[in-house]
């Protein structure tokens, strides 16, 4: 029992540090640990993960807001339409919950594309720097609404908080400064994570105790990660 608690706290801490630094929920750490280390059924792992990362979003957004790294207008748009997408994604999950191979395929595709794209852009921007300052994220209402809906749909379907798509989308498609994208991303997926978690709780797909223990580690880690942002070059993020 003690080893379980320590591993979960450590997982939450690591997810929080990375989440606070990169503007993501930390799902890419939590989800594999639950599935491959503790053998959680994938639907339960998905529901537990999206519930735990609400803490990443709330605490990280608060810290970044104090550092003026959040575009509240953009996050409001993404939250509203992301919530709609998350509701639809959760309904779709209920329909395909027995098709584990399909969930694996969607998860793998999402992780691989985003990781390769951000690695490529990070190496490229090391030589050619993009915008580094700014108080608002460019782009139309429609573009932000569509982005929010799409990210929310995936959050409801596969339990990823959305930061893994929001941050690169803000940077590469809407041309936002990197550090503003990080902070805004955290605030942007509060709503969609809450909606998705609510559906998962109703569907009995959340291990509440695990989510709480992970959340304790996350709450500490996200403060560390957020404080590393001002000291980290934009290309490295």
Foldseek 3Di string as FASTA:
>chain_A
DVVVLVVLLVLLLVLQLCCLQQQWLSLVRQLCCCCPVVNDQQLLSLLLLLLLSLLSLVLSLVLVVVVLLADVVLLVLLLVLLLVLLLQLLVVCVVCVVVVVVLVVVVVVLVVVLVVVLVVQLVVCVVPPADADDNHFADDSVVSSVLSNVQLNVCLNRNTLRSSPQQCCSCPVRNDHNSSSSSHSSSNSSNSSVSSSVSSVVVVSYPVVSSVSSNVSSNVNNVNNNVCNVVDDSSVD
